[in-house]
PDB file of N, CA and C in Angstrom:
ATOM      1  N   MET A   1     -29.479   9.446  12.211  1.00  0.00           N
ATOM      2  CA  MET A   1     -29.971   9.128  11.105  1.00  0.00           C
ATOM      3  C   MET A   1     -29.763   7.895  10.336  1.00  0.00           C
ATOM      4  N   ASP A   2     -30.735   7.230   9.711  1.00  0.00           N
ATOM      5  CA  ASP A   2     -30.505   5.856   9.115  1.00  0.00           C
ATOM      6  C   ASP A   2     -29.974   6.157   7.668  1.00  0.00           C
ATOM      7  N   ARG A   3     -29.502   5.275   7.223  1.00  0.00           N
ATOM      8  CA  ARG A   3     -29.385   4.879   5.703  1.00  0.00           C
ATOM      9  C   ARG A   3     -30.517   5.404   4.515  1.00  0.00           C
ATOM     10  N   LEU A   4     -31.914   5.031   4.865  1.00  0.00           N
ATOM     11  CA  LEU A   4     -32.967   5.748   4.103  1.00  0.00           C
ATOM     12  C   LEU A   4     -33.079   7.069   4.081  1.00  0.00           C
ATOM     13  N   SER A   5     -33.133   7.510   5.329  1.00  0.00           N
ATOM     14  CA  SER A   5     -33.103   9.210   5.382  1.00  0.00           C
ATOM     15  C   SER A   5     -32.136   9.690   4.735  1.00  0.00           C
ATOM     16  N   PHE A   6     -30.639   9.371   4.709  1.00  0.00           N
ATOM     17  CA  PHE A   6     -29.886  10.148   4.210  1.00  0.00           C
ATOM     18  C   PHE A   6     -30.106   9.996   2.537  1.00  0.00           C
ATOM     19  N   ILE A   7     -30.648   8.911   2.278  1.00  0.00           N
ATOM     20  CA  ILE A   7     -30.707   8.700   0.470  1.00  0.00           C
ATOM     21  C   ILE A   7     -31.873   9.418   0.397  1.00  0.00           C
ATOM     22  N   ILE A   8     -32.994   9.656   1.057  1.00  0.00           N
ATOM     23  CA  ILE A   8     -33.954  10.676   0.778  1.00  0.00           C
ATOM     24  C   ILE A   8     -33.265  12.058   0.593  1.00  0.00           C
ATOM     25  N   LEU A   9     -32.693  12.223   1.662  1.00  0.00           N
ATOM     26  CA  LEU A   9     -32.027  13.891   1.672  1.00  0.00           C
ATOM     27  C   LEU A   9     -31.277  13.799   0.136  1.00  0.00           C
ATOM     28  N   LEU A  10     -30.302  13.035   0.055  1.00  0.00           N
ATOM     29  CA  LEU A  10     -29.632  13.219  -1.058  1.00  0.00           C
ATOM     30  C   LEU A  10     -30.371  13.264  -2.491  1.00  0.00           C
ATOM     31  N   VAL A  11     -31.396  12.720  -2.503  1.00  0.00           N
ATOM     32  CA  VAL A  11     -32.541  12.634  -3.585  1.00  0.00           C
ATOM     33  C   VAL A  11     -32.893  14.057  -3.824  1.00  0.00           C
ATOM     34  N   LEU A  12     -33.090  14.500  -2.881  1.00  0.00           N
ATOM     35  CA  LEU A  12     -34.204  15.805  -2.887  1.00  0.00           C
ATOM     36  C   LEU A  12     -33.020  16.968  -3.198  1.00  0.00           C
ATOM     37  N   ARG A  13     -31.953  16.796  -2.606  1.00  0.00           N
ATOM     38  CA  ARG A  13     -30.774  17.688  -3.063  1.00  0.00           C
ATOM     39  C   ARG A  13     -30.369  17.606  -4.419  1.00  0.00           C
ATOM     40  N   HIS A  14     -30.313  16.478  -4.987  1.00  0.00           N
ATOM     41  CA  HIS A  14     -29.594  16.420  -6.347  1.00  0.00           C
ATOM     42  C   HIS A  14     -30.635  16.787  -7.165  1.00  0.00           C
ATOM     43  N   ALA A  15     -31.875  16.567  -6.674  1.00  0.00           N
ATOM     44  CA  ALA A  15     -32.882  16.900  -7.739  1.00  0.00           C
ATOM     45  C   ALA A  15     -33.236  18.667  -7.501  1.00  0.00           C
ATOM     46  N   GLU A  16     -32.225  19.281  -6.775  1.00  0.00           N
ATOM     47  CA  GLU A  16     -32.484  20.771  -6.252  1.00  0.00           C
ATOM     48  C   GLU A  16     -33.794  20.698  -5.819  1.00  0.00           C
ATOM     49  N   ALA A  17     -34.700  20.087  -5.306  1.00  0.00           N
ATOM     50  CA  ALA A  17     -35.875  20.208  -4.516  1.00  0.00           C
ATOM     51  C   ALA A  17     -35.485  20.985  -3.143  1.00  0.00           C
ATOM     52  N   VAL A  18     -35.527  22.215  -3.141  1.00  0.00           N
ATOM     53  CA  VAL A  18     -34.840  22.789  -2.062  1.00  0.00           C
ATOM     54  C   VAL A  18     -35.914  24.133  -1.681  1.00  0.00           C
ATOM     55  N   ASP A  19     -37.036  24.108  -2.206  1.00  0.00           N
ATOM     56  CA  ASP A  19     -38.089  25.059  -1.708  1.00  0.00           C
ATOM     57  C   ASP A  19     -39.743  24.369  -1.907  1.00  0.00           C
ATOM     58  N   LYS A  20     -40.584  25.146  -1.318  1.00  0.00           N
ATOM     59  CA  LYS A  20     -41.829  24.524  -1.739  1.00  0.00           C
ATOM     60  C   LYS A  20     -42.215  24.565  -3.216  1.00  0.00           C
ATOM     61  N   TYR A  21     -41.643  25.141  -3.984  1.00  0.00           N
ATOM     62  CA  TYR A  21     -42.214  25.248  -5.513  1.00  0.00           C
ATOM     63  C   TYR A  21     -41.054  24.073  -6.072  1.00  0.00           C
ATOM     64  N   SER A  22     -40.244  23.669  -5.887  1.00  0.00           N
ATOM     65  CA  SER A  22     -39.349  22.624  -6.808  1.00  0.00           C
ATOM     66  C   SER A  22     -39.486  21.413  -5.940  1.00  0.00           C
ATOM     67  N   ALA A  23     -40.454  21.228  -4.840  1.00  0.00           N
ATOM     68  CA  ALA A  23     -40.352  20.030  -4.197  1.00  0.00           C
ATOM     69  C   ALA A  23     -41.058  18.718  -4.957  1.00  0.00           C
ATOM     70  N   MET A  24     -40.718  17.566  -4.463  1.00  0.00           N
ATOM     71  CA  MET A  24     -41.015  16.483  -5.086  1.00  0.00           C
ATOM     72  C   MET A  24     -42.006  15.501  -4.348  1.00  0.00           C
ATOM     73  N   SER A  25     -42.786  14.636  -4.992  1.00  0.00           N
ATOM     74  CA  SER A  25     -43.913  13.918  -4.110  1.00  0.00           C
ATOM     75  C   SER A  25     -43.107  12.269  -3.815  1.00  0.00           C
ATOM     76  N   VAL A  26     -43.786  11.568  -3.469  1.00  0.00           N
ATOM     77  CA  VAL A  26     -43.265  10.444  -2.940  1.00  0.00           C
ATOM     78  C   VAL A  26     -42.709   9.649  -3.817  1.00  0.00           C
ATOM     79  N   ARG A  27     -43.624   9.622  -4.744  1.00  0.00           N
ATOM     80  CA  ARG A  27     -43.590   8.862  -6.030  1.00  0.00           C
ATOM     81  C   ARG A  27     -42.226   9.297  -6.868  1.00  0.00           C
ATOM     82  N   GLU A  28     -42.292  10.594  -6.900  1.00  0.00           N
ATOM     83  CA  GLU A  28     -41.052  11.170  -7.584  1.00  0.00           C
ATOM     84  C   GLU A  28     -39.855  10.904  -7.083  1.00  0.00           C
ATOM     85  N   ILE A  29     -39.760  10.767  -5.793  1.00  0.00           N
ATOM     86  CA  ILE A  29     -38.482  10.375  -4.858  1.00  0.00           C
ATOM     87  C   ILE A  29     -38.283   8.807  -5.271  1.00  0.00           C
ATOM     88  N   LEU A  30     -39.080   7.846  -5.009  1.00  0.00           N
ATOM     89  CA  LEU A  30     -39.225   6.419  -5.549  1.00  0.00           C
ATOM     90  C   LEU A  30     -38.369   6.358  -6.817  1.00  0.00           C
ATOM     91  N   SER A  31     -38.813   7.133  -7.900  1.00  0.00           N
ATOM     92  CA  SER A  31     -38.537   7.003  -9.328  1.00  0.00           C
ATOM     93  C   SER A  31     -37.303   7.417  -9.547  1.00  0.00           C
ATOM     94  N   ALA A  32     -36.604   8.398  -8.820  1.00  0.00           N
ATOM     95  CA  ALA A  32     -35.291   8.837  -8.834  1.00  0.00           C
ATOM     96  C   ALA A  32     -34.429   7.931  -8.366  1.00  0.00           C
ATOM     97  N   GLU A  33     -34.840   7.143  -7.697  1.00  0.00           N
ATOM     98  CA  GLU A  33     -33.790   6.161  -7.022  1.00  0.00           C
ATOM     99  C   GLU A  33     -34.114   4.864  -6.700  1.00  0.00           C
ATOM    100  N   GLU A  34     -33.804   3.512  -6.929  1.00  0.00           N
ATOM    101  CA  GLU A  34     -34.332   2.348  -6.694  1.00  0.00           C
ATOM    102  C   GLU A  34     -34.129   2.250  -5.380  1.00  0.00           C
ATOM    103  N   LEU A  35     -35.084   2.263  -4.426  1.00  0.00           N
ATOM    104  CA  LEU A  35     -34.914   2.189  -2.961  1.00  0.00           C
ATOM    105  C   LEU A  35     -35.194   0.740  -2.514  1.00  0.00           C
ATOM    106  N   GLY A  36     -35.892   0.128  -3.126  1.00  0.00           N
ATOM    107  CA  GLY A  36     -36.694  -1.188  -2.660  1.00  0.00           C
ATOM    108  C   GLY A  36     -37.541  -1.200  -1.641  1.00  0.00           C
ATOM    109  N   VAL A  37     -38.244  -0.049  -1.548  1.00  0.00           N
ATOM    110  CA  VAL A  37     -39.246   0.086  -0.417  1.00  0.00           C
ATOM    111  C   VAL A  37     -40.546   0.616  -0.645  1.00  0.00           C
ATOM    112  N   LYS A  38     -41.833   0.652  -0.008  1.00  0.00           N
ATOM    113  CA  LYS A  38     -42.729   0.923  -0.501  1.00  0.00           C
ATOM    114  C   LYS A  38     -43.019   2.656  -0.108  1.00  0.00           C
ATOM    115  N   GLU A  39     -43.950   3.042  -0.982  1.00  0.00           N
ATOM    116  CA  GLU A  39     -44.234   4.446  -0.849  1.00  0.00           C
ATOM    117  C   GLU A  39     -44.574   4.883   0.566  1.00  0.00           C
ATOM    118  N   ASN A  40     -45.168   3.882   1.366  1.00  0.00           N
ATOM    119  CA  ASN A  40     -45.501   4.177   2.787  1.00  0.00           C
ATOM    120  C   ASN A  40     -44.396   4.301   3.623  1.00  0.00           C
ATOM    121  N   THR A  41     -43.338   3.549   3.125  1.00  0.00           N
ATOM    122  CA  THR A  41     -42.007   3.664   4.053  1.00  0.00           C
ATOM    123  C   THR A  41     -41.139   4.888   4.023  1.00  0.00           C
ATOM    124  N   ILE A  42     -41.203   5.432   2.702  1.00  0.00           N
ATOM    125  CA  ILE A  42     -40.670   6.697   2.299  1.00  0.00           C
ATOM    126  C   ILE A  42     -41.440   7.885   2.852  1.00  0.00           C
ATOM    127  N   PHE A  43     -42.967   7.834   2.662  1.00  0.00           N
ATOM    128  CA  PHE A  43     -43.622   8.618   3.710  1.00  0.00           C
ATOM    129  C   PHE A  43     -43.370   9.006   5.253  1.00  0.00           C
ATOM    130  N   LYS A  44     -43.175   7.715   5.998  1.00  0.00           N
ATOM    131  CA  LYS A  44     -42.815   7.744   7.225  1.00  0.00           C
ATOM    132  C   LYS A  44     -41.327   8.260   7.581  1.00  0.00           C
ATOM    133  N   LYS A  45     -40.760   8.071   6.655  1.00  0.00           N
ATOM    134  CA  LYS A  45     -39.072   8.409   6.797  1.00  0.00           C
ATOM    135  C   LYS A  45     -39.462  10.259   6.785  1.00  0.00           C
ATOM    136  N   ILE A  46     -40.152  10.666   5.724  1.00  0.00           N
ATOM    137  CA  ILE A  46     -40.128  12.170   5.336  1.00  0.00           C
ATOM    138  C   ILE A  46     -40.842  12.717   6.811  1.00  0.00           C
ATOM    139  N   LYS A  47     -41.719  12.145   7.147  1.00  0.00           N
ATOM    140  CA  LYS A  47     -42.183  12.691   8.415  1.00  0.00           C
ATOM    141  C   LYS A  47     -41.477  12.969   9.352  1.00  0.00           C
ATOM    142  N   ARG A  48     -40.650  11.668   9.583  1.00  0.00           N
ATOM    143  CA  ARG A  48     -39.537  12.047  10.601  1.00  0.00           C
ATOM    144  C   ARG A  48     -38.690  13.222  10.250  1.00  0.00           C
ATOM    145  N   LEU A  49     -38.301  13.070   8.984  1.00  0.00           N
ATOM    146  CA  LEU A  49     -37.324  14.333   8.411  1.00  0.00           C
ATOM    147  C   LEU A  49     -37.927  15.456   8.702  1.00  0.00           C
ATOM    148  N   ILE A  50     -39.205  15.838   8.422  1.00  0.00           N
ATOM    149  CA  ILE A  50     -39.914  17.171   8.907  1.00  0.00           C
ATOM    150  C   ILE A  50     -39.777  17.579  10.239  1.00  0.00           C
ATOM    151  N   ALA A  51     -40.131  16.664  11.037  1.00  0.00           N
ATOM    152  CA  ALA A  51     -40.061  16.988  12.414  1.00  0.00           C
ATOM    153  C   ALA A  51     -38.615  17.172  12.807  1.00  0.00           C
ATOM    154  N   SER A  52     -37.606  16.735  12.414  1.00  0.00           N
ATOM    155  CA  SER A  52     -36.249  17.136  12.850  1.00  0.00           C
ATOM    156  C   SER A  52     -35.977  18.463  11.956  1.00  0.00           C
ATOM    157  N   GLY A  53     -36.690  18.945  11.160  1.00  0.00           N
ATOM    158  CA  GLY A  53     -36.432  20.102  10.436  1.00  0.00           C
ATOM    159  C   GLY A  53     -35.215  19.897   9.456  1.00  0.00           C
ATOM    160  N   TYR A  54     -35.217  18.857   8.834  1.00  0.00           N
ATOM    161  CA  TYR A  54     -34.306  18.585   7.654  1.00  0.00           C
ATOM    162  C   TYR A  54     -34.921  18.422   6.413  1.00  0.00           C
ATOM    163  N   ALA A  55     -36.542  18.482   6.266  1.00  0.00           N
ATOM    164  CA  ALA A  55     -37.330  18.311   5.128  1.00  0.00           C
ATOM    165  C   ALA A  55     -38.459  19.319   5.602  1.00  0.00           C
ATOM    166  N   GLY A  56     -39.035  19.943   4.378  1.00  0.00           N
ATOM    167  CA  GLY A  56     -40.240  20.663   4.474  1.00  0.00           C
ATOM    168  C   GLY A  56     -41.210  20.183   3.520  1.00  0.00           C
ATOM    169  N   GLN A  57     -42.491  20.492   3.858  1.00  0.00           N
ATOM    170  CA  GLN A  57     -43.671  20.312   2.862  1.00  0.00           C
ATOM    171  C   GLN A  57     -43.850  21.085   2.046  1.00  0.00           C
ATOM    172  N   GLY A  58     -43.888  21.029   0.775  1.00  0.00           N
ATOM    173  CA  GLY A  58     -44.222  21.912  -0.480  1.00  0.00           C
ATOM    174  C   GLY A  58     -45.520  22.096  -0.874  1.00  0.00           C
ATOM    175  N   MET A  59     -45.796  22.748  -1.953  1.00  0.00           N
ATOM    176  CA  MET A  59     -47.074  22.815  -2.668  1.00  0.00           C
ATOM    177  C   MET A  59     -47.552  21.381  -2.961  1.00  0.00           C
ATOM    178  N   LYS A  60     -48.860  21.228  -3.329  1.00  0.00           N
ATOM    179  CA  LYS A  60     -49.614  19.986  -3.553  1.00  0.00           C
ATOM    180  C   LYS A  60     -49.161  20.078  -5.098  1.00  0.00           C
ATOM    181  N   ASP A  61     -49.052  18.598  -5.316  1.00  0.00           N
ATOM    182  CA  ASP A  61     -49.119  18.398  -6.840  1.00  0.00           C
ATOM    183  C   ASP A  61     -50.296  17.598  -7.098  1.00  0.00           C
ATOM    184  N   GLY A  62     -51.384  18.070  -7.559  1.00  0.00           N
ATOM    185  CA  GLY A  62     -52.933  17.398  -7.596  1.00  0.00           C
ATOM    186  C   GLY A  62     -53.179  16.977  -6.276  1.00  0.00           C
ATOM    187  N   LYS A  63     -53.308  15.408  -6.023  1.00  0.00           N
ATOM    188  CA  LYS A  63     -53.595  15.435  -4.584  1.00  0.00           C
ATOM    189  C   LYS A  63     -52.381  15.122  -3.708  1.00  0.00           C
ATOM    190  N   ALA A  64     -51.502  14.889  -4.647  1.00  0.00           N
ATOM    191  CA  ALA A  64     -50.172  14.420  -3.561  1.00  0.00           C
ATOM    192  C   ALA A  64     -49.381  15.399  -2.833  1.00  0.00           C
ATOM    193  N   ASN A  65     -48.932  15.247  -1.686  1.00  0.00           N
ATOM    194  CA  ASN A  65     -48.034  16.361  -1.096  1.00  0.00           C
ATOM    195  C   ASN A  65     -46.675  16.158  -1.481  1.00  0.00           C
ATOM    196  N   THR A  66     -46.125  17.317  -1.341  1.00  0.00           N
ATOM    197  CA  THR A  66     -44.426  17.178  -1.999  1.00  0.00           C
ATOM    198  C   THR A  66     -43.599  17.837  -1.035  1.00  0.00           C
ATOM    199  N   TYR A  67     -42.273  17.360  -1.087  1.00  0.00           N
ATOM    200  CA  TYR A  67     -41.256  17.461   0.097  1.00  0.00           C
ATOM    201  C   TYR A  67     -40.025  18.077  -0.594  1.00  0.00           C
ATOM    202  N   PHE A  68     -39.238  19.009   0.315  1.00  0.00           N
ATOM    203  CA  PHE A  68     -37.870  19.535  -0.274  1.00  0.00           C
ATOM    204  C   PHE A  68     -37.071  19.187   0.991  1.00  0.00           C
ATOM    205  N   ILE A  69     -35.692  19.682   0.630  1.00  0.00           N
ATOM    206  CA  ILE A  69     -34.987  19.460   1.692  1.00  0.00           C
ATOM    207  C   ILE A  69     -34.460  20.890   2.239  1.00  0.00           C
ATOM    208  N   THR A  70     -34.435  20.895   3.486  1.00  0.00           N
ATOM    209  CA  THR A  70     -34.252  22.379   4.004  1.00  0.00           C
ATOM    210  C   THR A  70     -32.803  22.631   4.234  1.00  0.00           C
ATOM    211  N   PRO A  71     -32.181  23.915   4.476  1.00  0.00           N
ATOM    212  CA  PRO A  71     -30.830  24.376   4.826  1.00  0.00           C
ATOM    213  C   PRO A  71     -30.453  23.480   5.736  1.00  0.00           C
ATOM    214  N   GLU A  72     -31.134  23.217   7.166  1.00  0.00           N
ATOM    215  CA  GLU A  72     -30.551  22.247   8.004  1.00  0.00           C
ATOM    216  C   GLU A  72     -30.274  21.106   7.576  1.00  0.00           C
ATOM    217  N   GLY A  73     -31.175  20.507   6.404  1.00  0.00           N
ATOM    218  CA  GLY A  73     -31.020  19.005   5.879  1.00  0.00           C
ATOM    219  C   GLY A  73     -29.704  19.017   5.306  1.00  0.00           C
ATOM    220  N   CYS A  74     -29.451  20.314   4.458  1.00  0.00           N
ATOM    221  CA  CYS A  74     -28.043  20.043   3.779  1.00  0.00           C
ATOM    222  C   CYS A  74     -26.925  20.113   4.424  1.00  0.00           C
ATOM    223  N   GLU A  75     -27.178  20.994   5.739  1.00  0.00           N
ATOM    224  CA  GLU A  75     -25.843  21.043   6.515  1.00  0.00           C
ATOM    225  C   GLU A  75     -25.907  19.544   7.484  1.00  0.00           C
ATOM    226  N   ARG A  76     -26.911  18.569   7.589  1.00  0.00           N
ATOM    227  CA  ARG A  76     -26.936  17.495   7.875  1.00  0.00           C
ATOM    228  C   ARG A  76     -26.183  16.334   7.341  1.00  0.00           C
ATOM    229  N   LEU A  77     -26.269  16.498   5.952  1.00  0.00           N
ATOM    230  CA  LEU A  77     -26.066  15.663   4.879  1.00  0.00           C
ATOM    231  C   LEU A  77     -24.369  16.061   5.009  1.00  0.00           C
ATOM    232  N   LYS A  78     -24.079  17.101   5.153  1.00  0.00           N
ATOM    233  CA  LYS A  78     -22.356  17.474   5.140  1.00  0.00           C
ATOM    234  C   LYS A  78     -21.634  16.939   6.347  1.00  0.00           C
ATOM    235  N   GLU A  79     -22.587  17.137   7.442  1.00  0.00           N
ATOM    236  CA  GLU A  79     -22.030  16.351   8.828  1.00  0.00           C
ATOM    237  C   GLU A  79     -21.938  14.915   8.581  1.00  0.00           C
ATOM    238  N   GLU A  80     -23.066  14.094   8.026  1.00  0.00           N
ATOM    239  CA  GLU A  80     -22.921  12.823   7.748  1.00  0.00           C
ATOM    240  C   GLU A  80     -21.684  12.232   7.099  1.00  0.00           C
ATOM    241  N   ARG A  81     -21.402  12.982   5.887  1.00  0.00           N
ATOM    242  CA  ARG A  81     -20.422  12.865   4.993  1.00  0.00           C
ATOM    243  C   ARG A  81     -19.004  12.933   5.636  1.00  0.00           C
ATOM    244  N   SER A  82     -18.675  14.127   6.546  1.00  0.00           N
ATOM    245  CA  SER A  82     -17.725  13.971   7.172  1.00  0.00           C
ATOM    246  C   SER A  82     -17.100  13.338   8.128  1.00  0.00           C
ATOM    247  N   GLN A  83     -18.378  12.545   8.901  1.00  0.00           N
ATOM    248  CA  GLN A  83     -18.165  11.465   9.842  1.00  0.00           C
ATOM    249  C   GLN A  83     -17.540  10.261   9.033  1.00  0.00           C
ATOM    250  N   ALA A  84     -17.729   9.758   7.696  1.00  0.00           N
ATOM    251  CA  ALA A  84     -17.515   8.484   7.199  1.00  0.00           C
ATOM    252  C   ALA A  84     -16.144   8.542   6.973  1.00  0.00           C
TER     253      ALA A  84
END
């Protein structure tokens, strides 16, 4: 896992985006933390996190997709922190 993916998961967990109802859009993730990257970069990282099972897609917010951290993603954060 790279640093940006780790930070995205941290933002989702900190915001309590843990299910499809409390999920966050890419813009909300960017506004929660100054990451210095474009929306498209976040979107690509989230797609990889979904494929890995660490994030899931929530309910639509207007036209925007939303995302949340899965229990597997929370476990992965713990593993990454224990290795530090």
